[in-house]
């Protein structure tokens, strides 16, 4: 009986070794699949980032072009209305800011552009997109809200109203406003976060 048990031990060990080898092969196979999937995820993430940057650049270029060639549209009622690039104080949130020129004040800005510029002017120092989002009363925990405000700041930078530092924070352009001297900005100061 003992001889039979001793003789059967190598075959049981052999079975276990083969089972371990199969499990190891399966693990290696799944690890390879996982690495390939991670590489695809990284490539997709890079494509998304390139598309986002491209879209931002396109928005900036279109904003510059629209201010140079302010299109005029005729409404169905026959009224002539200026479209993108209008500098009227009653303009909506989607209109691009005009290019800053000497003597121009923030009253020519409209909607969120005016709010963003006023928040930067009211800040004690350079402000980030998140800080600007809070300063204009938006929820900075929602990434889309931060991006909307950051895009407004980018447009203001491209038009000469703001300056963006290397770390991505914004300050008023030196010519656009004497720091803290804009009377229109005083009413826009928000205690919740326009400070650096």
Protein backbone atom coordinates (compact mmCIF):
# COMPACT_ATOMS: atom_id res chain seq x y z
CA UNK A 1 0.00 0.00 0.00
CA UNK A 2 2.80 2.42 0.90
CA UNK A 3 4.54 1.65 -2.40
CA UNK A 4 1.37 2.55 -4.34
CA UNK A 5 1.06 5.88 -2.50
CA UNK A 6 4.71 6.70 -3.12
CA UNK A 7 4.33 5.82 -6.77
CA UNK A 8 1.25 7.99 -7.16
CA UNK A 9 2.86 11.11 -5.60
CA UNK A 10 4.86 12.11 -8.69
CA UNK A 11 1.74 11.99 -10.87
CA UNK A 12 -0.27 14.17 -8.46
CA UNK A 13 2.63 16.64 -8.27
CA UNK A 14 2.87 16.50 -12.06
CA UNK A 15 -0.86 17.29 -12.36
CA UNK A 16 -0.48 20.23 -10.01
CA UNK A 17 2.56 21.52 -11.91
CA UNK A 18 0.67 21.29 -15.21
CA UNK A 19 -2.30 23.06 -13.62
CA UNK A 20 -0.01 25.82 -12.37
CA UNK A 21 1.63 26.12 -15.79
CA UNK A 22 -1.80 26.48 -17.48
CA UNK A 23 -2.85 29.09 -14.91
CA UNK A 24 0.42 30.96 -15.48
CA UNK A 25 -0.13 30.90 -19.27
CA UNK A 26 -3.68 32.19 -18.77
CA UNK A 27 -2.39 34.96 -16.50
CA UNK A 28 0.24 35.97 -19.06
CA UNK A 29 -2.38 35.97 -21.81
CA UNK A 30 -4.76 38.18 -19.83
CA UNK A 31 -1.88 40.45 -18.78
CA UNK A 32 -1.01 40.93 -22.44
CA UNK A 33 -4.66 41.74 -23.25
CA UNK A 34 -4.74 44.20 -20.35
CA UNK A 35 -1.54 45.91 -21.52
CA UNK A 36 -2.94 46.20 -25.05
CA UNK A 37 -6.19 47.64 -23.68
CA UNK A 38 -4.25 50.14 -21.55
CA UNK A 39 -2.24 51.18 -24.61
CA UNK A 40 -5.52 51.74 -26.51
CA UNK A 41 -6.92 53.76 -23.59
CA UNK A 42 -3.78 55.91 -23.52
CA UNK A 43 -3.94 56.45 -27.30
CA UNK A 44 -7.63 57.39 -27.08
CA UNK A 45 -6.92 59.77 -24.21
CA UNK A 46 -4.19 61.43 -26.29
CA UNK A 47 -6.59 61.77 -29.26
CA UNK A 48 -9.18 63.41 -26.99
CA UNK A 49 -6.58 65.85 -25.67
CA UNK A 50 -5.36 66.72 -29.19
CA UNK A 51 -8.96 67.26 -30.32
CA UNK A 52 -9.65 69.49 -27.29
CA UNK A 53 -6.55 71.61 -27.93
CA UNK A 54 -7.41 71.81 -31.64
CA UNK A 55 -10.94 72.95 -30.82
CA UNK A 56 -9.62 75.62 -28.45
CA UNK A 57 -7.21 76.86 -31.11
CA UNK A 58 -10.01 76.95 -33.69
CA UNK A 59 -12.25 78.90 -31.31
CA UNK A 60 -9.42 81.39 -30.74
CA UNK A 61 -8.72 81.79 -34.46
CA UNK A 62 -12.41 82.23 -35.23
CA UNK A 63 -12.69 84.79 -32.43
CA UNK A 64 -9.81 86.78 -33.91
CA UNK A 65 -11.23 86.56 -37.42
CA UNK A 66 -14.73 87.53 -36.33
CA UNK A 67 -13.48 90.67 -34.60
CA UNK A 68 -11.58 91.73 -37.73
CA UNK A 69 -14.47 90.95 -40.08
CA UNK A 70 -17.51 91.66 -37.93
CA UNK A 71 -20.28 90.01 -39.92
CA UNK A 72 -23.58 91.79 -40.27
CA UNK A 73 -26.75 89.73 -40.48
CA UNK A 74 -30.21 90.83 -41.46
CA UNK A 75 -32.96 89.43 -39.30
CA UNK A 76 -36.26 88.23 -40.77
CA UNK A 77 -37.87 91.54 -39.78
CA UNK A 78 -35.43 93.45 -41.99
CA UNK A 79 -33.48 94.90 -39.04
CA UNK A 80 -29.72 95.03 -39.38
CA UNK A 81 -27.97 93.38 -36.44
CA UNK A 82 -24.30 92.88 -35.79
CA UNK A 83 -23.38 89.30 -35.04
CA UNK A 84 -20.11 87.99 -33.62
CA UNK A 85 -17.73 90.63 -32.34
CA UNK A 86 -20.34 93.15 -31.30
CA UNK A 87 -19.22 95.58 -28.67
CA UNK A 88 -22.65 96.58 -27.42
CA UNK A 89 -23.12 96.43 -23.67
CA UNK A 90 -26.37 94.48 -24.04
CA UNK A 91 -24.76 91.67 -26.04
CA UNK A 92 -25.25 88.04 -25.06
CA UNK A 93 -22.94 85.48 -23.52
CA UNK A 94 -21.88 83.88 -26.82
CA UNK A 95 -20.50 86.97 -28.57
CA UNK A 96 -16.74 87.29 -28.79
CA UNK A 97 -14.98 90.23 -27.12
CA UNK A 98 -13.60 92.98 -29.32
CA UNK A 99 -9.85 93.38 -29.61
CA UNK A 100 -8.67 95.72 -26.89
CA UNK A 101 -7.59 99.18 -28.05
CA UNK A 102 -6.33 102.17 -26.09
CA UNK A 103 -9.14 103.96 -24.30
CA UNK A 104 -11.44 100.93 -24.37
CA UNK A 105 -13.03 99.98 -21.04
CA UNK A 106 -14.69 96.79 -19.86
CA UNK A 107 -18.12 98.26 -20.63
CA UNK A 108 -17.61 97.10 -24.24
CA UNK A 109 -17.42 93.49 -23.03
CA UNK A 110 -20.60 91.48 -22.75
CA UNK A 111 -21.98 88.63 -20.67
CA UNK A 112 -19.51 86.18 -19.21
CA UNK A 113 -16.57 87.93 -20.89
CA UNK A 114 -17.26 91.03 -18.82
CA UNK A 115 -17.74 88.97 -15.64
CA UNK A 116 -14.49 87.05 -16.21
CA UNK A 117 -12.52 90.22 -16.94
CA UNK A 118 -13.99 91.97 -13.88
CA UNK A 119 -13.11 88.96 -11.68
CA UNK A 120 -9.49 89.01 -12.89
CA UNK A 121 -9.27 92.77 -12.28
CA UNK A 122 -10.79 92.41 -8.81
CA UNK A 123 -8.42 89.59 -7.82
CA UNK A 124 -5.45 90.25 -5.55
CA UNK A 125 -3.15 88.40 -7.95
CA UNK A 126 -3.09 85.92 -10.84
CA UNK A 127 -6.15 83.64 -10.92
CA UNK A 128 -6.68 80.14 -12.24
CA UNK A 129 -9.63 78.85 -14.23
CA UNK A 130 -11.08 77.23 -11.10
CA UNK A 131 -10.77 80.46 -9.13
CA UNK A 132 -12.39 82.41 -11.97
CA UNK A 133 -15.24 79.90 -12.10
CA UNK A 134 -15.94 80.47 -8.41
CA UNK A 135 -15.56 84.23 -8.77
CA UNK A 136 -18.30 84.44 -11.42
CA UNK A 137 -20.64 82.31 -9.30
CA UNK A 138 -20.33 79.00 -11.16
CA UNK A 139 -19.76 75.54 -9.66
CA UNK A 140 -16.01 74.90 -9.89
CA UNK A 141 -16.56 71.20 -9.08
CA UNK A 142 -18.15 70.73 -12.52
CA UNK A 143 -15.34 70.42 -15.06
CA UNK A 144 -17.51 71.67 -17.92
CA UNK A 145 -18.25 74.90 -16.03
CA UNK A 146 -14.53 75.46 -15.41
CA UNK A 147 -13.82 74.87 -19.12
CA UNK A 148 -16.51 77.37 -20.17
CA UNK A 149 -14.95 80.07 -17.99
CA UNK A 150 -11.41 79.14 -19.04
CA UNK A 151 -12.42 79.44 -22.72
CA UNK A 152 -13.77 82.95 -22.03
CA UNK A 153 -10.45 83.84 -20.39
CA UNK A 154 -8.50 82.41 -23.36
CA UNK A 155 -10.59 84.52 -25.75
CA UNK A 156 -9.94 87.62 -23.63
CA UNK A 157 -6.23 86.79 -23.68
CA UNK A 158 -6.23 86.46 -27.47
CA UNK A 159 -8.03 89.80 -27.79
CA UNK A 160 -5.51 91.63 -25.56
CA UNK A 161 -7.58 92.00 -22.38
CA UNK A 162 -5.78 89.40 -20.24
CA UNK A 163 -2.30 87.93 -19.93
CA UNK A 164 -1.81 84.21 -19.23
CA UNK A 165 1.23 83.19 -17.20
CA UNK A 166 3.21 80.01 -17.81
CA UNK A 167 1.26 78.26 -15.05
CA UNK A 168 -2.03 79.04 -16.83
CA UNK A 169 -3.21 81.76 -14.42
CA UNK A 170 -4.56 85.07 -15.68
CA UNK A 171 -3.89 88.74 -14.92
CA UNK A 172 -5.22 91.88 -16.61
CA UNK A 173 -3.17 93.03 -19.59
CA UNK A 174 -1.10 96.07 -18.57
CA UNK A 175 -2.81 98.38 -21.06
CA UNK A 176 -6.33 97.04 -20.62
CA UNK A 177 -6.77 98.35 -17.09
CA UNK A 178 -4.77 99.97 -14.34
CA UNK A 179 -4.94 97.33 -11.59
CA UNK A 180 -7.88 98.02 -9.30
CA UNK A 181 -8.71 101.33 -11.08
CA UNK A 182 -11.69 100.19 -13.12
CA UNK A 183 -14.90 101.55 -11.58
CA UNK A 184 -17.02 98.93 -13.33
CA UNK A 185 -14.96 96.16 -11.74
CA UNK A 186 -15.62 97.31 -8.21
CA UNK A 187 -19.19 96.03 -8.28
CA UNK A 188 -18.05 92.64 -9.55
CA UNK A 189 -15.76 91.74 -6.64
CA UNK A 190 -16.88 88.44 -5.15
CA UNK A 191 -15.55 87.37 -1.76
CA UNK A 192 -15.76 83.66 -2.57
CA UNK A 193 -12.67 83.19 -4.64
CA UNK A 194 -11.21 85.69 -7.04
CA UNK A 195 -7.98 85.75 -5.10
CA UNK A 196 -4.86 83.81 -6.01
